[in-house]
């Protein structure tokens, strides 16, 4: 029994030392030396070296060309998964409400599923005449502002594949239903960091959209404002981008 307790204590002690080293590394954004890590954790350099070597083997720690230790890719991947696993709707809603209060129009949160954008959350203004997208409803990528940005993330080849696959059905006379026109619109939208829907999904309705990114930089959702065209203002673009940036920051994106 004594040997079992001793082994358990030894295992816990190793974990404590490992956590101490990771915490010390997290405080050094540019990497640090074995000597400094040993001093900050109170470990003998040989002990610290052995634990760091094991962490490197498993990808939790990395060592650069100059010999400095820093957090490794496996640890970053696990952190990103934790962030992505958060309920994006719950994270986004306070910022969506802030944006709605700024512009006085409906704010939507959408995610990509295949060739469509799915509306997963919305907040609406307290006014009689407003645009409402039903949660759970879907729209093709090429007719929505955020959908165009999602296509831009995929690249020109994927856009051409999408066009061949879907035939770019026209929902209104303004829908981008030719491949070259869509490529040009997506290119402009991606370069400026926001996209517009100018009555392309529904006559009389316009949208402004921006992407939401997670800790890894991947576009995991989109934020948009929908309004009757006569009320939509391009002055809202910075507000939409700011709300999307705040949501992305809540998901761990530091870009």
Foldseek 3Di string as FASTA:
>chain_A
DVVVVVVVVVVVVLVVLLVLLQVVQVVPQVFAALVVSCVSSVHDSVSSVVSQVVCVVVQQWDADPVGGIHGGDVVLVVLLVVLVPPDLCVLQVVLQVVLCVVQVAKKFKWFDDPQKIFTQDIDGHPDDDYDDDDHGDIDGLQQDWVSLQVVLVVDLVVLVVSCVVPQQDFQDPPGPRDSVVSVVQSVVQNVVFKGKRQCRNHPQKMKIKGFAAAQVRDGGMMMMTMGGPVRDDPVSNVSRVVSSVSSNVSRNHDD
